[in-house]
Amino acid sequence: MKKAIIIGASSGIGRELATVMSRHGYVVGIAARRLELLRELQKELPTESHVKIIDVTRPAEAMAGVRELISEMGGTDAVVVSSGISIHNPPLRWESEKETLEVNVVGFTAMMNVAFNYFCERGGGHIVGISSFRGLRGGGSSPAYNASKAYQSNYLEGLRVKSRKLGKMIDVTDIRPGLVVTPMTAGRSENLLVAPVAKAARQIFQAIERHDTTCYVTKRYRLVACLLRAAPYSLYSRI
C-alpha cells in the first residue's frame, strides 16, 4: 500500500487531496496547524491515517514534526506541500508581505528540505509542491504572493536538477492551480475560471500518479498560462 504525507491538509486543496488519495488506497499522513480540523478529516478517511500538528511558520519545529510523522508511518512514498496563504495587499503593508514570505517561502523550503533529504537517504520518492499559475507574472494586488509562487516553482525545478545530478530517483511535480473554490477564493465561486475543489484535487491526483513534471489545474489554465506569458507588459499591467 502506498503512503503519502500531505502538509496543509486541514482545508482547501490539501484536505480534498488527502480524501482522494485515501479513497485510492493510500495510507495518508495529514499535517497542519489546526488539530480539530485534522481530526474531523481523519474520521472521513477510509484508509489508515496519521495526524501531526505542523506550523510551517515555525520551521525548526515543523521540520522535526515531519520527520516524526515519517517515522510513525514507517516511511512514505510521497510528500505533498500544500500549505500556503494569499493576502491581497493593495495598500502595501510589511506585516502582510512578511507573513506571506514566512509561509510560502521559508515554511515551504523547510518542508521541501526534509522531504528531499529523506528521499535521498531512502533512494527515491516523490515530492509534490502546490504552487500557482500566478507565479508566472508579478501581481499588483499581491506582489509577495505572486513572487513567492514563482520562488516555489523555481525551487522545485532546482530540486529536480539536483536529484538528477546526485543520481537519485526523486520525482518532483510542480502543481500550478488556477482559481479553485477554497477559503482563498471566497466570494468568487461564480467566476467561470473558478474550479470546484473536488475537480482540482482529482486532476492533481492524476498528475501525481503520472509523475508529471508540471501540471496546471484545471486544464484550462494551461491556456491561461500561455496567454499570460505572451502578454506584453503594457497589456498585462492593465488586467
Protein backbone atom coordinates (compact mmCIF):
# COMPACT_ATOMS: atom_id res chain seq x y z
CA MET A 1 0.00 0.00 0.00
CA LYS A 2 1.37 3.40 -0.99
CA LYS A 3 1.88 6.12 1.61
CA ALA A 4 1.73 9.90 1.27
CA ILE A 5 2.07 12.89 3.56
CA ILE A 6 0.01 16.00 2.83
CA ILE A 7 1.19 19.14 4.60
CA GLY A 8 -1.57 21.72 4.73
CA ALA A 9 -4.36 19.15 4.87
CA SER A 10 -6.79 20.95 7.18
CA SER A 11 -8.66 22.79 4.42
CA GLY A 12 -8.88 23.58 0.72
CA ILE A 13 -6.88 21.63 -1.83
CA GLY A 14 -4.82 19.77 0.76
CA ARG A 15 -7.87 18.43 2.57
CA GLU A 16 -9.59 17.32 -0.64
CA LEU A 17 -6.41 15.73 -1.98
CA ALA A 18 -5.97 13.73 1.24
CA THR A 19 -9.52 12.43 0.77
CA VAL A 20 -8.90 11.48 -2.87
CA MET A 21 -5.62 9.71 -2.10
CA SER A 22 -7.19 7.79 0.80
CA ARG A 23 -10.06 6.67 -1.44
CA HIS A 24 -7.45 5.35 -3.86
CA GLY A 25 -5.88 3.19 -1.19
CA TYR A 26 -3.10 5.40 0.15
CA VAL A 27 -2.13 5.46 3.80
CA VAL A 28 -2.04 9.20 4.45
CA GLY A 29 -0.28 11.42 6.92
CA ILE A 30 -2.20 14.66 7.34
CA ALA A 31 -0.47 17.68 8.82
CA ALA A 32 -1.47 21.28 9.55
CA ARG A 33 -1.81 23.77 12.41
CA ARG A 34 -5.43 23.07 13.37
CA LEU A 35 -5.76 19.73 15.15
CA GLU A 36 -9.57 19.81 15.36
CA LEU A 37 -9.89 20.06 11.59
CA LEU A 38 -7.39 17.25 11.06
CA ARG A 39 -9.35 15.04 13.46
CA GLU A 40 -12.57 15.77 11.58
CA LEU A 41 -10.89 14.85 8.32
CA GLN A 42 -9.38 11.70 9.78
CA LYS A 43 -12.85 10.40 10.66
CA GLU A 44 -13.83 10.65 6.98
CA LEU A 45 -10.83 8.82 5.53
CA PRO A 46 -11.40 5.17 4.54
CA THR A 47 -7.78 4.07 4.94
CA GLU A 48 -5.23 4.23 7.73
CA SER A 49 -4.19 7.79 8.56
CA HIS A 50 -1.79 9.62 10.85
CA VAL A 51 -2.15 13.14 12.24
CA LYS A 52 0.56 15.65 13.09
CA ILE A 53 0.32 19.29 14.14
CA ILE A 54 2.74 21.30 12.00
CA ASP A 55 3.05 25.08 11.79
CA VAL A 56 5.33 25.96 8.88
CA THR A 57 5.90 29.45 10.29
CA ARG A 58 7.95 27.70 12.98
CA PRO A 59 10.31 25.90 10.59
CA ALA A 60 12.58 24.09 13.06
CA GLU A 61 9.61 22.57 14.92
CA ALA A 62 7.80 21.85 11.67
CA MET A 63 10.80 20.02 10.22
CA ALA A 64 11.06 17.89 13.34
CA GLY A 65 7.32 17.18 13.12
CA VAL A 66 7.56 15.94 9.53
CA ARG A 67 10.45 13.65 10.45
CA GLU A 68 8.38 12.26 13.34
CA LEU A 69 5.40 11.71 11.04
CA ILE A 70 7.55 9.84 8.52
CA SER A 71 8.85 7.63 11.31
CA GLU A 72 5.37 7.00 12.74
CA MET A 73 4.14 5.96 9.29
CA GLY A 74 7.07 3.63 8.76
CA GLY A 75 8.20 5.74 5.82
CA THR A 76 6.41 7.45 2.95
CA ASP A 77 6.43 7.32 -0.84
CA ALA A 78 5.38 10.92 -1.40
CA VAL A 79 5.34 14.28 0.35
CA VAL A 80 2.88 16.92 -0.82
CA VAL A 81 3.33 20.50 0.39
CA SER A 82 0.00 22.28 0.05
CA SER A 83 0.25 24.80 2.88
CA GLY A 84 0.15 28.40 1.76
CA ILE A 85 -1.54 31.75 2.20
CA SER A 86 -2.72 34.50 -0.13
CA ILE A 87 -3.08 38.05 1.18
CA HIS A 88 -4.33 40.81 -1.10
CA ASN A 89 -2.31 43.82 -0.11
CA PRO A 90 -3.43 46.91 -2.11
CA PRO A 91 -2.03 49.37 0.47
CA LEU A 92 1.34 47.65 0.73
CA ARG A 93 1.91 46.56 4.33
CA TRP A 94 5.10 44.94 5.54
CA GLU A 95 3.28 42.73 8.04
CA SER A 96 1.27 41.08 5.25
CA GLU A 97 4.29 40.72 2.99
CA LYS A 98 6.30 39.17 5.82
CA GLU A 99 3.54 36.70 6.70
CA THR A 100 3.26 35.60 3.07
CA LEU A 101 7.01 35.01 2.82
CA GLU A 102 7.17 33.16 6.14
CA VAL A 103 4.62 30.61 4.93
CA ASN A 104 5.13 30.43 1.16
CA VAL A 105 8.92 30.78 1.06
CA VAL A 106 10.54 29.92 4.40
CA GLY A 107 8.00 27.32 5.51
CA PHE A 108 7.77 25.80 2.04
CA THR A 109 11.54 25.50 1.78
CA ALA A 110 11.80 23.88 5.21
CA MET A 111 9.27 21.21 4.26
CA MET A 112 10.96 20.55 0.93
CA ASN A 113 14.33 20.26 2.65
CA VAL A 114 13.07 17.49 4.92
CA ALA A 115 11.36 15.65 2.04
CA PHE A 116 14.34 15.86 -0.32
CA ASN A 117 16.89 14.71 2.25
CA TYR A 118 14.63 11.87 3.37
CA PHE A 119 14.19 10.61 -0.19
CA CYS A 120 17.93 10.93 -0.82
CA GLU A 121 18.56 8.60 2.12
CA ARG A 122 15.71 6.30 1.06
CA GLY A 123 16.92 6.12 -2.52
CA GLY A 124 13.88 7.66 -4.16
CA GLY A 125 10.42 9.08 -3.76
CA HIS A 126 8.05 11.74 -4.98
CA ILE A 127 7.94 15.41 -3.97
CA VAL A 128 4.88 17.48 -4.89
CA GLY A 129 4.58 21.22 -4.43
CA ILE A 130 1.35 23.19 -4.83
CA SER A 131 2.48 26.48 -6.33
CA SER A 132 0.22 28.62 -8.57
CA PHE A 133 -0.22 29.91 -12.09
CA ARG A 134 0.19 33.36 -10.52
CA GLY A 135 3.89 32.69 -10.20
CA LEU A 136 4.23 33.33 -13.94
CA ARG A 137 3.96 37.13 -13.61
CA GLY A 138 4.08 39.79 -10.93
CA GLY A 139 0.82 40.72 -9.20
CA GLY A 140 -0.17 44.28 -8.40
CA SER A 141 -2.69 43.34 -5.68
CA SER A 142 -0.40 40.79 -4.02
CA PRO A 143 3.24 41.27 -5.06
CA ALA A 144 4.66 38.99 -2.38
CA TYR A 145 2.20 36.18 -3.15
CA ASN A 146 2.98 36.06 -6.87
CA ALA A 147 6.70 36.32 -6.16
CA SER A 148 6.50 33.54 -3.55
CA LYS A 149 4.82 31.23 -6.04
CA ALA A 150 7.49 31.98 -8.63
CA TYR A 151 10.03 31.06 -5.98
CA GLN A 152 8.28 27.76 -5.31
CA SER A 153 8.27 26.74 -8.97
CA ASN A 154 11.91 27.72 -9.35
CA TYR A 155 12.86 25.84 -6.19
CA LEU A 156 11.06 22.70 -7.32
CA GLU A 157 12.91 22.79 -10.62
CA GLY A 158 16.14 23.17 -8.70
CA LEU A 159 15.37 20.06 -6.65
CA ARG A 160 14.62 18.17 -9.86
CA VAL A 161 18.00 19.16 -11.31
CA LYS A 162 19.78 18.39 -8.05
CA SER A 163 18.19 14.95 -7.87
CA ARG A 164 19.39 14.12 -11.37
CA LYS A 165 22.92 15.33 -10.64
CA LEU A 166 23.02 13.21 -7.48
CA GLY A 167 21.73 10.19 -9.37
CA LYS A 168 18.67 9.88 -7.11
CA MET A 169 15.30 8.58 -8.25
CA ILE A 170 13.31 11.50 -6.87
CA ASP A 171 10.38 12.73 -8.93
CA VAL A 172 9.41 16.38 -8.43
CA THR A 173 6.00 17.64 -9.50
CA ASP A 174 5.04 21.31 -9.65
CA ILE A 175 1.26 21.71 -9.45
CA ARG A 176 0.13 25.15 -10.62
CA PRO A 177 -3.53 25.64 -9.72
CA GLY A 178 -5.65 28.42 -11.06
CA LEU A 179 -8.64 29.72 -9.11
CA VAL A 180 -10.17 26.94 -7.02
CA VAL A 181 -13.10 27.10 -4.59
CA THR A 182 -11.24 27.35 -1.28
CA PRO A 183 -11.20 29.89 1.58
CA MET A 184 -8.66 31.83 -0.52
CA THR A 185 -11.26 32.47 -3.25
CA ALA A 186 -14.19 33.38 -1.01
CA GLY A 187 -16.73 35.47 -2.90
CA ARG A 188 -15.54 34.44 -6.36
CA SER A 189 -17.11 30.99 -6.72
CA GLU A 190 -19.39 32.17 -9.56
CA ASN A 191 -16.43 33.09 -11.74
CA LEU A 192 -16.23 30.71 -14.72
CA LEU A 193 -12.49 30.25 -14.12
CA VAL A 194 -13.01 29.13 -10.52
CA ALA A 195 -12.99 25.32 -10.36
CA PRO A 196 -14.64 23.11 -7.71
CA VAL A 197 -12.05 21.88 -5.25
CA ALA A 198 -13.04 18.24 -5.85
CA LYS A 199 -12.30 18.57 -9.57
CA ALA A 200 -8.96 20.24 -8.86
CA ALA A 201 -7.97 17.51 -6.39
CA ARG A 202 -8.83 14.76 -8.88
CA GLN A 203 -6.63 16.34 -11.53
CA ILE A 204 -3.81 16.83 -9.03
CA PHE A 205 -4.03 13.17 -8.03
CA GLN A 206 -3.89 12.13 -11.68
CA ALA A 207 -0.79 14.29 -12.18
CA ILE A 208 0.82 12.68 -9.14
CA GLU A 209 0.05 9.21 -10.43
CA ARG A 210 1.55 10.11 -13.82
CA HIS A 211 4.60 11.65 -12.12
CA ASP A 212 4.16 14.81 -14.17
CA THR A 213 6.88 17.43 -14.01
CA THR A 214 4.45 20.38 -14.21
CA CYS A 215 0.68 20.40 -14.20
CA TYR A 216 -1.82 23.26 -14.49
CA VAL A 217 -5.09 22.71 -12.63
CA THR A 218 -7.64 22.79 -14.01
CA LYS A 219 -6.50 22.03 -17.54
CA ARG A 220 -7.85 25.31 -18.95
CA TYR A 221 -5.15 27.13 -17.02
CA ARG A 222 -2.50 25.83 -19.38
CA LEU A 223 -4.05 28.14 -21.98
CA VAL A 224 -4.28 30.94 -19.40
CA ALA A 225 -0.58 30.44 -18.67
CA CYS A 226 0.31 30.70 -22.35
CA LEU A 227 -1.64 33.94 -22.67
CA LEU A 228 -0.03 35.38 -19.54
CA ARG A 229 3.46 34.57 -20.80
CA ALA A 230 2.74 36.10 -24.20
CA ALA A 231 1.03 39.26 -23.00
CA PRO A 232 3.21 42.38 -23.34
CA TYR A 233 3.70 44.36 -20.13
CA SER A 234 1.63 47.26 -21.50
CA LEU A 235 -1.38 44.93 -21.74
CA TYR A 236 -0.70 42.76 -18.69
CA SER A 237 -0.37 45.75 -16.37
CA ARG A 238 -3.96 46.78 -17.20
CA ILE A 239 -5.54 43.41 -16.41
